[in-house]
Amino acid sequence: MRADNRKRNILYRRRGLPWTLAELKQLGRVPDSVLARRTRRTICEVVEKREDRGISLPTGPRRWTAREIKLLGTMNDAELARRLRRPHHHIRNQRRALKIYPFMPRPHFRVWTLAEIRLLGTMPDKVLAPRLKRTVSALQAQRHVLGVPYVNPTFKRWTPKDDKLLGVLPDDAVARHVGRHIASVRERRRRLGIPNPAPRHAPPRVWNTREIKLLGRMSDRQLAKRLGCAPYRVGRKRKQLGIRSFSHPPHIKRWTAAEDKLLGTMLDKDLAVRLGRTLNAVYFRREKSGIPPVNPKWKPWTKREIALLGEFRDEKVAARTGHPVKAVAQKRNALGIRLAQPKCRPWTPAEDALLGTDTDKAIGQKIGRDKTTVHSRRKKLGIPCVGRGHR
């Protein structure tokens, strides 16, 4: 006996010792008995540790037994999956394959007594419901199941005498005569296919070929007055047929030879006022005729001024020649001349050598660049700053 206890103590000599990281990683990946034998612990200790850490032990695929199939639908799929140690989707797929409905707990239900059943149909459901402490829908459902008729209905049936009044008198008059609601009268008339004797709106107009040809040739209001109908009916019919609305042709004033001779002799806005035309009409007529515009500020370019393009910056050329900076840039681009001393000039090795020797502002003034440009270049090259005035 002592030898067996000594052998057991040797086999489980690591019982109660702290778990290592390597042992914890094996929890749930190998069977508990195998892990207990490897770590020299008891199976109960391995199971307790695995459940304490919330690690489930996966089981291999196995066939469904008759006992397990009987449990399908008797409880929630998640609970049954936990009890049978199967994945949740396996439970759901097996239940659907066998066409077993999911488990739904029965709601709170009160059994109908014989005394309550005898009261069904003896009074209106709305009156009996608070007496039995049940809902009106519950009373109606139980009455329909048992086939109990509604003894005291709140509605009255239509008689042949009432039906003869439909279509003869207006709906409101029939409702007052038979003691019903106007909506009930209207629904009964529609169900029997009887037209309304006094409709609110006029019946749809029947258009003939001659009237359809007039659509779009005059305004909707004029055509409606001519045909004796509402203007919205004319517009609706025209839109259904995809006909455009009538619009008066614009008043076109033809250009004369005398007016064409005046193009390019003065400003477009002055000529438009003189001729009584719009500015766009004068502009497009002049552009179509190929006549250049008149600009009192415009001055022709001389050969000496053109020679300055590309040698100096546009600002200096504009200051020397008296042309606007925009005009200088347009003339230079038209002649295909590059810009002299562009602002985005490349950095030279000499300029890069000055970075970090002084503040960015001082270096920018020395090489003719902005301090933000010097700062960006120094950051790009990874050169530390000098002083506190680098910004």
Protein backbone atom coordinates (compact mmCIF):
# COMPACT_ATOMS: atom_id res chain seq x y z
CA MET A 1 0.00 0.00 0.00
CA ARG A 2 2.80 2.35 0.85
CA ALA A 3 4.54 1.45 -2.41
CA ASP A 4 1.42 2.40 -4.42
CA ASN A 5 1.13 5.77 -2.66
CA ARG A 6 4.81 6.44 -3.22
CA LYS A 7 4.46 5.57 -6.93
CA ARG A 8 1.42 7.89 -7.21
CA ASN A 9 3.27 10.76 -5.55
CA ILE A 10 6.16 10.27 -7.98
CA LEU A 11 3.74 10.27 -10.97
CA TYR A 12 1.92 13.46 -9.86
CA ARG A 13 4.83 15.18 -8.15
CA ARG A 14 4.06 18.48 -10.00
CA ARG A 15 0.58 18.73 -8.50
CA GLY A 16 -0.15 22.18 -7.06
CA LEU A 17 2.90 23.83 -8.67
CA PRO A 18 2.49 27.03 -10.74
CA TRP A 19 1.65 26.58 -14.43
CA THR A 20 4.23 27.52 -17.01
CA LEU A 21 3.51 29.43 -20.22
CA ALA A 22 4.24 26.36 -22.33
CA GLU A 23 1.73 24.31 -20.33
CA LEU A 24 -0.95 26.99 -20.58
CA LYS A 25 -0.60 27.09 -24.38
CA GLN A 26 -1.44 23.36 -24.56
CA LEU A 27 -4.78 23.79 -22.73
CA GLY A 28 -7.60 22.93 -25.10
CA ARG A 29 -5.28 21.79 -27.88
CA VAL A 30 -4.64 18.31 -26.53
CA PRO A 31 -6.91 16.03 -24.47
CA ASP A 32 -6.92 16.63 -20.72
CA SER A 33 -5.63 13.12 -19.96
CA VAL A 34 -2.69 13.51 -22.35
CA LEU A 35 -1.82 16.94 -20.94
CA ALA A 36 -2.05 15.59 -17.37
CA ARG A 37 0.34 12.79 -18.20
CA ARG A 38 2.76 15.16 -19.93
CA THR A 39 2.79 17.74 -17.15
CA ARG A 40 2.63 15.12 -14.33
CA ARG A 41 -0.57 16.60 -12.92
CA THR A 42 -3.98 15.16 -12.16
CA ILE A 43 -6.80 15.25 -14.73
CA CYS A 44 -9.01 17.14 -12.30
CA GLU A 45 -6.35 19.82 -11.97
CA VAL A 46 -6.05 20.17 -15.77
CA VAL A 47 -9.85 20.34 -16.24
CA GLU A 48 -10.19 22.93 -13.46
CA LYS A 49 -7.47 25.11 -14.96
CA ARG A 50 -8.92 24.88 -18.48
CA GLU A 51 -12.45 25.76 -17.36
CA ASP A 52 -11.13 28.54 -15.15
CA ARG A 53 -9.54 30.17 -18.22
CA GLY A 54 -12.69 29.66 -20.30
CA ILE A 55 -11.08 27.26 -22.79
CA SER A 56 -13.32 24.63 -24.33
CA LEU A 57 -12.03 21.26 -25.37
CA PRO A 58 -12.98 20.52 -28.99
CA THR A 59 -14.21 17.08 -29.81
CA GLY A 60 -13.68 15.24 -33.03
CA PRO A 61 -16.46 14.55 -35.54
CA ARG A 62 -18.79 11.77 -34.43
CA ARG A 63 -22.09 10.32 -35.49
CA TRP A 64 -25.38 11.48 -34.07
CA THR A 65 -26.93 9.07 -31.63
CA ALA A 66 -30.64 8.50 -31.12
CA ARG A 67 -30.44 10.07 -27.66
CA GLU A 68 -28.89 13.26 -29.08
CA ILE A 69 -31.46 13.50 -31.90
CA LYS A 70 -34.31 13.29 -29.37
CA LEU A 71 -32.89 16.35 -27.60
CA LEU A 72 -33.09 18.53 -30.74
CA GLY A 73 -35.73 21.23 -30.32
CA THR A 74 -36.22 20.53 -26.63
CA MET A 75 -33.90 23.35 -25.59
CA ASN A 76 -31.95 26.25 -27.04
CA ASP A 77 -29.35 25.34 -29.71
CA ALA A 78 -26.59 27.07 -27.76
CA GLU A 79 -27.42 25.20 -24.55
CA LEU A 80 -27.68 21.87 -26.38
CA ALA A 81 -24.35 22.52 -28.10
CA ARG A 82 -22.75 23.10 -24.69
CA ARG A 83 -24.22 19.92 -23.27
CA LEU A 84 -23.39 17.70 -26.24
CA ARG A 85 -19.98 19.34 -26.75
CA ARG A 86 -20.74 20.05 -30.41
CA PRO A 87 -20.40 23.29 -32.41
CA HIS A 88 -23.45 25.50 -32.50
CA HIS A 89 -23.79 25.34 -36.29
CA HIS A 90 -23.75 21.52 -36.18
CA ILE A 91 -26.80 21.57 -33.89
CA ARG A 92 -28.62 24.05 -36.12
CA ASN A 93 -27.83 22.22 -39.38
CA GLN A 94 -28.89 18.82 -37.97
CA ARG A 95 -32.15 20.26 -36.63
CA ARG A 96 -32.95 21.90 -39.99
CA ALA A 97 -32.08 18.72 -41.88
CA LEU A 98 -34.61 16.78 -39.77
CA LYS A 99 -37.17 19.64 -40.10
CA ILE A 100 -37.39 20.15 -36.34
CA TYR A 101 -38.60 23.56 -35.20
CA PRO A 102 -36.37 25.53 -32.85
CA PHE A 103 -37.13 25.60 -29.18
CA MET A 104 -39.41 28.48 -28.28
CA PRO A 105 -40.47 28.88 -24.66
CA ARG A 106 -44.24 29.07 -24.38
CA PRO A 107 -45.44 32.54 -23.36
CA HIS A 108 -47.56 33.15 -20.33
CA PHE A 109 -50.88 31.45 -21.08
CA ARG A 110 -54.03 31.13 -19.05
CA VAL A 111 -56.20 28.11 -19.79
CA TRP A 112 -59.78 28.79 -20.79
CA THR A 113 -62.28 27.54 -18.25
CA LEU A 114 -65.71 26.13 -19.06
CA ALA A 115 -67.43 29.16 -17.52
CA GLU A 116 -65.46 31.55 -19.74
CA ILE A 117 -66.21 29.53 -22.87
CA ARG A 118 -69.96 29.62 -22.12
CA LEU A 119 -69.82 33.46 -22.06
CA LEU A 120 -68.39 33.68 -25.58
CA GLY A 121 -70.92 35.11 -28.03
CA THR A 122 -73.37 36.21 -25.34
CA MET A 123 -72.16 39.84 -25.49
CA PRO A 124 -69.80 41.94 -27.61
CA ASP A 125 -66.13 41.06 -27.34
CA LYS A 126 -65.26 44.59 -26.20
CA VAL A 127 -67.62 44.24 -23.25
CA LEU A 128 -66.62 40.67 -22.36
CA ALA A 129 -62.84 41.27 -22.58
CA PRO A 130 -62.48 43.46 -19.44
CA ARG A 131 -64.84 41.16 -17.57
CA LEU A 132 -62.66 38.11 -18.24
CA LYS A 133 -59.44 40.13 -18.00
CA ARG A 134 -58.41 39.09 -21.51
CA THR A 135 -57.67 40.97 -24.72
CA VAL A 136 -60.23 41.43 -27.48
CA SER A 137 -58.01 39.56 -29.95
CA ALA A 138 -57.79 36.60 -27.55
CA LEU A 139 -61.58 36.46 -27.34
CA GLN A 140 -61.96 36.67 -31.11
CA ALA A 141 -59.38 33.91 -31.69
CA GLN A 142 -60.98 31.56 -29.15
CA ARG A 143 -64.44 32.23 -30.57
CA HIS A 144 -63.26 31.48 -34.12
CA VAL A 145 -61.57 28.25 -32.96
CA LEU A 146 -64.73 27.03 -31.26
CA GLY A 147 -66.99 28.28 -34.06
CA VAL A 148 -69.05 30.49 -31.77
CA PRO A 149 -70.95 33.14 -33.79
CA TYR A 150 -71.06 36.79 -32.86
CA VAL A 151 -74.52 37.04 -31.30
CA ASN A 152 -74.61 40.81 -30.81
CA PRO A 153 -72.67 42.33 -33.73
CA THR A 154 -72.15 46.07 -33.90
CA PHE A 155 -72.63 46.07 -37.67
CA LYS A 156 -75.80 45.36 -39.61
CA ARG A 157 -76.01 43.53 -42.87
CA TRP A 158 -76.90 45.15 -46.17
CA THR A 159 -80.39 44.34 -47.38
CA PRO A 160 -81.50 44.28 -51.03
CA LYS A 161 -83.56 47.38 -50.30
CA ASP A 162 -80.42 49.24 -49.17
CA ASP A 163 -78.46 48.07 -52.21
CA LYS A 164 -81.12 49.53 -54.56
CA LEU A 165 -80.32 53.03 -53.27
CA LEU A 166 -76.66 52.76 -54.26
CA GLY A 167 -75.90 54.70 -57.44
CA VAL A 168 -79.31 56.41 -57.38
CA LEU A 169 -78.56 58.92 -54.62
CA PRO A 170 -75.22 60.43 -53.59
CA ASP A 171 -73.22 58.51 -51.01
CA ASP A 172 -73.89 61.01 -48.22
CA ALA A 173 -77.64 60.87 -48.86
CA VAL A 174 -77.61 57.06 -48.84
CA ALA A 175 -75.61 57.09 -45.57
CA ARG A 176 -78.21 59.31 -43.90
CA HIS A 177 -81.06 57.25 -45.29
CA VAL A 178 -79.80 53.82 -44.17
CA GLY A 179 -78.06 55.04 -41.01
CA ARG A 180 -74.51 54.07 -41.99
CA HIS A 181 -71.17 55.78 -42.33
CA ILE A 182 -70.36 57.33 -45.70
CA ALA A 183 -67.17 55.23 -45.92
CA SER A 184 -69.24 52.05 -45.52
CA VAL A 185 -71.60 53.19 -48.29
CA ARG A 186 -68.72 54.06 -50.62
CA GLU A 187 -67.01 50.68 -50.02
CA ARG A 188 -70.27 48.76 -50.62
CA ARG A 189 -70.89 50.64 -53.88
CA ARG A 190 -67.33 49.96 -55.11
CA ARG A 191 -67.62 46.26 -54.22
CA LEU A 192 -70.82 45.96 -56.29
CA GLY A 193 -69.25 47.89 -59.21
CA ILE A 194 -71.82 50.71 -59.14
CA PRO A 195 -70.51 54.10 -60.42
CA ASN A 196 -70.70 57.20 -58.30
CA PRO A 197 -73.77 59.22 -59.28
CA ALA A 198 -72.26 62.52 -58.06
CA PRO A 199 -68.48 62.39 -58.48
CA ARG A 200 -66.41 65.27 -57.17
CA HIS A 201 -64.26 65.43 -60.27
CA ALA A 202 -65.39 65.45 -63.86
CA PRO A 203 -64.80 62.27 -65.86
CA PRO A 204 -61.62 62.11 -67.94
CA ARG A 205 -61.83 64.00 -71.22
CA VAL A 206 -61.86 62.04 -74.44
CA TRP A 207 -59.42 63.68 -76.89
CA ASN A 208 -60.00 63.44 -80.62
CA THR A 209 -57.39 63.72 -83.36
CA ARG A 210 -58.16 67.37 -84.18
CA GLU A 211 -57.72 68.47 -80.57
CA ILE A 212 -54.46 66.50 -80.16
CA LYS A 213 -52.98 68.28 -83.20
CA LEU A 214 -53.56 71.64 -81.48
CA LEU A 215 -51.37 70.68 -78.48
CA GLY A 216 -48.14 72.71 -78.39
CA ARG A 217 -49.27 75.15 -81.12
CA MET A 218 -50.63 77.62 -78.59
CA SER A 219 -50.40 78.11 -74.85
CA ASP A 220 -52.22 75.67 -72.56
CA ARG A 221 -54.44 78.46 -71.27
CA GLN A 222 -55.51 79.57 -74.75
CA LEU A 223 -56.22 76.00 -75.87
CA ALA A 224 -58.16 75.23 -72.67
CA LYS A 225 -60.31 78.32 -73.25
CA ARG A 226 -60.89 77.25 -76.82
CA LEU A 227 -61.84 73.66 -75.88
CA GLY A 228 -63.80 74.64 -72.76
CA CYS A 229 -61.79 72.65 -70.19
CA ALA A 230 -59.33 73.33 -67.39
CA PRO A 231 -55.74 74.32 -68.32
CA TYR A 232 -54.25 71.52 -66.17
CA ARG A 233 -56.00 68.92 -68.36
CA VAL A 234 -54.36 70.35 -71.47
CA GLY A 235 -50.95 70.36 -69.79
CA ARG A 236 -51.37 66.80 -68.49
CA LYS A 237 -52.32 65.47 -71.94
CA ARG A 238 -49.45 67.34 -73.60
CA LYS A 239 -46.93 65.89 -71.12
CA GLN A 240 -48.31 62.37 -71.58
CA LEU A 241 -47.74 62.61 -75.35
CA GLY A 242 -44.28 64.18 -74.90
CA ILE A 243 -45.21 67.45 -76.68
CA ARG A 244 -43.26 70.55 -75.72
CA SER A 245 -45.05 73.60 -74.44
CA PHE A 246 -45.72 76.48 -76.79
CA SER A 247 -43.15 79.29 -76.73
CA HIS A 248 -43.12 82.46 -78.82
CA PRO A 249 -40.16 82.68 -81.22
CA PRO A 250 -37.58 85.25 -80.06
CA HIS A 251 -37.46 88.56 -81.87
CA ILE A 252 -34.44 88.35 -84.16
CA LYS A 253 -32.94 91.61 -85.40
CA ARG A 254 -30.77 91.07 -88.44
CA TRP A 255 -27.38 92.72 -88.76
CA THR A 256 -27.02 95.36 -91.46
CA ALA A 257 -23.90 96.25 -93.45
CA ALA A 258 -23.66 99.59 -91.66
CA GLU A 259 -23.66 97.86 -88.26
CA ASP A 260 -20.99 95.37 -89.38
CA LYS A 261 -18.72 98.27 -90.34
CA LEU A 262 -18.89 99.62 -86.79
CA LEU A 263 -17.54 96.37 -85.28
CA GLY A 264 -14.04 96.86 -83.91
CA THR A 265 -14.20 100.68 -84.08
CA MET A 266 -15.14 101.12 -80.43
CA LEU A 267 -15.59 99.11 -77.27
CA ASP A 268 -18.19 96.33 -77.41
CA LYS A 269 -20.23 97.76 -74.55
CA ASP A 270 -20.36 101.22 -76.17
CA LEU A 271 -21.36 99.72 -79.50
CA ALA A 272 -24.04 97.61 -77.84
CA VAL A 273 -25.61 100.73 -76.32
CA ARG A 274 -25.40 102.57 -79.65
CA LEU A 275 -26.99 99.75 -81.68
CA GLY A 276 -29.50 98.74 -79.02
CA ARG A 277 -28.18 95.18 -78.80
CA THR A 278 -26.84 93.07 -76.00
CA LEU A 279 -23.14 92.87 -75.19
CA ASN A 280 -23.04 89.15 -76.00
CA ALA A 281 -24.64 89.75 -79.42
CA VAL A 282 -21.96 92.30 -80.32
CA TYR A 283 -19.17 90.11 -78.97
CA PHE A 284 -20.24 86.96 -80.85
CA ARG A 285 -20.84 88.93 -84.09
CA ARG A 286 -17.35 90.45 -83.89
CA GLU A 287 -15.70 87.11 -83.10
CA LYS A 288 -17.58 85.46 -85.99
CA SER A 289 -16.37 88.17 -88.38
CA GLY A 290 -12.75 87.80 -87.14
CA ILE A 291 -12.45 91.44 -86.07
CA PRO A 292 -10.08 92.09 -83.13
CA PRO A 293 -11.49 93.94 -80.11
CA VAL A 294 -10.78 97.57 -79.35
CA ASN A 295 -8.79 98.15 -76.17
CA PRO A 296 -7.54 101.67 -75.44
CA LYS A 297 -5.03 100.29 -72.92
CA TRP A 298 -3.55 97.89 -75.47
CA LYS A 299 -0.28 98.90 -77.05
CA PRO A 300 1.62 97.04 -79.76
CA TRP A 301 4.81 95.13 -78.97
CA THR A 302 8.05 96.42 -80.46
CA LYS A 303 11.09 94.32 -81.37
CA ARG A 304 13.05 95.86 -78.52
CA GLU A 305 10.35 94.89 -75.99
CA ILE A 306 10.10 91.35 -77.39
CA ALA A 307 13.88 90.98 -77.00
CA LEU A 308 13.50 91.54 -73.24
CA LEU A 309 11.21 88.50 -72.87
CA GLY A 310 13.06 85.61 -71.24
CA GLU A 311 16.05 87.73 -70.18
CA PHE A 312 14.33 89.22 -67.14
CA ARG A 313 11.41 88.18 -65.03
CA ASP A 314 7.92 89.13 -66.17
CA GLU A 315 7.60 91.74 -63.41
CA LYS A 316 10.73 93.56 -64.56
CA VAL A 317 9.70 93.37 -68.21
CA ALA A 318 6.26 94.75 -67.33
CA ALA A 319 7.84 97.64 -65.39
CA ARG A 320 10.18 98.53 -68.30
CA THR A 321 7.70 98.19 -71.19
CA GLY A 322 4.53 99.41 -69.47
CA HIS A 323 2.60 96.24 -70.35
CA PRO A 324 0.62 94.39 -67.66
CA VAL A 325 2.28 91.36 -66.10
CA LYS A 326 -0.47 89.12 -67.48
CA ALA A 327 0.05 90.51 -70.99
CA VAL A 328 3.81 89.89 -70.69
CA ALA A 329 3.22 86.27 -69.65
CA GLN A 330 0.73 85.71 -72.50
CA LYS A 331 3.10 87.17 -75.08
CA ARG A 332 6.03 85.08 -73.78
CA ASN A 333 3.99 81.89 -73.83
CA ALA A 334 2.72 82.65 -77.33
CA LEU A 335 6.30 82.99 -78.58
CA GLY A 336 7.43 79.88 -76.68
CA ILE A 337 10.00 81.70 -74.53
CA ARG A 338 10.86 80.23 -71.15
CA LEU A 339 10.59 82.16 -67.93
CA ALA A 340 13.82 83.77 -66.75
CA GLN A 341 14.84 83.04 -63.16
CA PRO A 342 11.84 80.87 -62.23
CA LYS A 343 10.72 80.90 -58.62
CA CYS A 344 11.12 77.12 -58.34
CA ARG A 345 14.79 77.07 -59.12
CA PRO A 346 16.80 74.00 -58.13
CA TRP A 347 19.00 73.95 -55.05
CA THR A 348 22.73 74.10 -55.66
CA PRO A 349 25.37 72.29 -53.58
CA ALA A 350 26.63 75.66 -52.35
CA GLU A 351 23.20 76.57 -51.03
CA ASP A 352 22.80 73.17 -49.37
CA ALA A 353 26.16 73.69 -47.65
CA LEU A 354 24.83 76.86 -45.97
CA LEU A 355 21.89 75.04 -44.35
CA GLY A 356 22.33 74.68 -40.61
CA THR A 357 25.12 77.27 -40.36
CA ASP A 358 22.72 80.07 -39.42
CA THR A 359 19.01 80.67 -38.87
CA ASP A 360 16.63 79.91 -41.74
CA LYS A 361 15.67 83.56 -42.03
CA ALA A 362 19.27 84.73 -42.34
CA ILE A 363 20.13 82.02 -44.88
CA GLY A 364 16.98 82.89 -46.89
CA GLN A 365 18.00 86.55 -47.08
CA LYS A 366 21.51 85.59 -48.11
CA ILE A 367 20.54 83.26 -50.99
CA GLY A 368 17.33 85.08 -51.99
CA ARG A 369 14.80 82.47 -50.81
CA ASP A 370 11.89 82.49 -48.41
CA LYS A 371 12.54 81.23 -44.87
CA THR A 372 9.76 78.60 -45.22
CA THR A 373 11.51 77.23 -48.31
CA VAL A 374 14.80 77.07 -46.43
CA HIS A 375 13.07 75.39 -43.48
CA SER A 376 11.47 72.71 -45.72
CA ARG A 377 14.77 72.01 -47.49
CA ARG A 378 16.64 71.67 -44.18
CA LYS A 379 13.97 69.30 -42.80
CA LYS A 380 14.11 67.21 -45.97
CA LEU A 381 17.90 66.81 -45.69
CA GLY A 382 17.71 66.12 -41.93
CA ILE A 383 19.93 69.04 -40.93
CA PRO A 384 19.35 70.37 -37.39
CA CYS A 385 18.39 73.99 -36.89
CA VAL A 386 20.55 76.71 -35.38
CA GLY A 387 19.14 79.24 -32.96
CA ARG A 388 15.51 79.96 -32.16
CA GLY A 389 14.71 82.19 -35.15
CA HIS A 390 14.57 79.38 -37.70
CA ARG A 391 10.83 79.60 -37.93
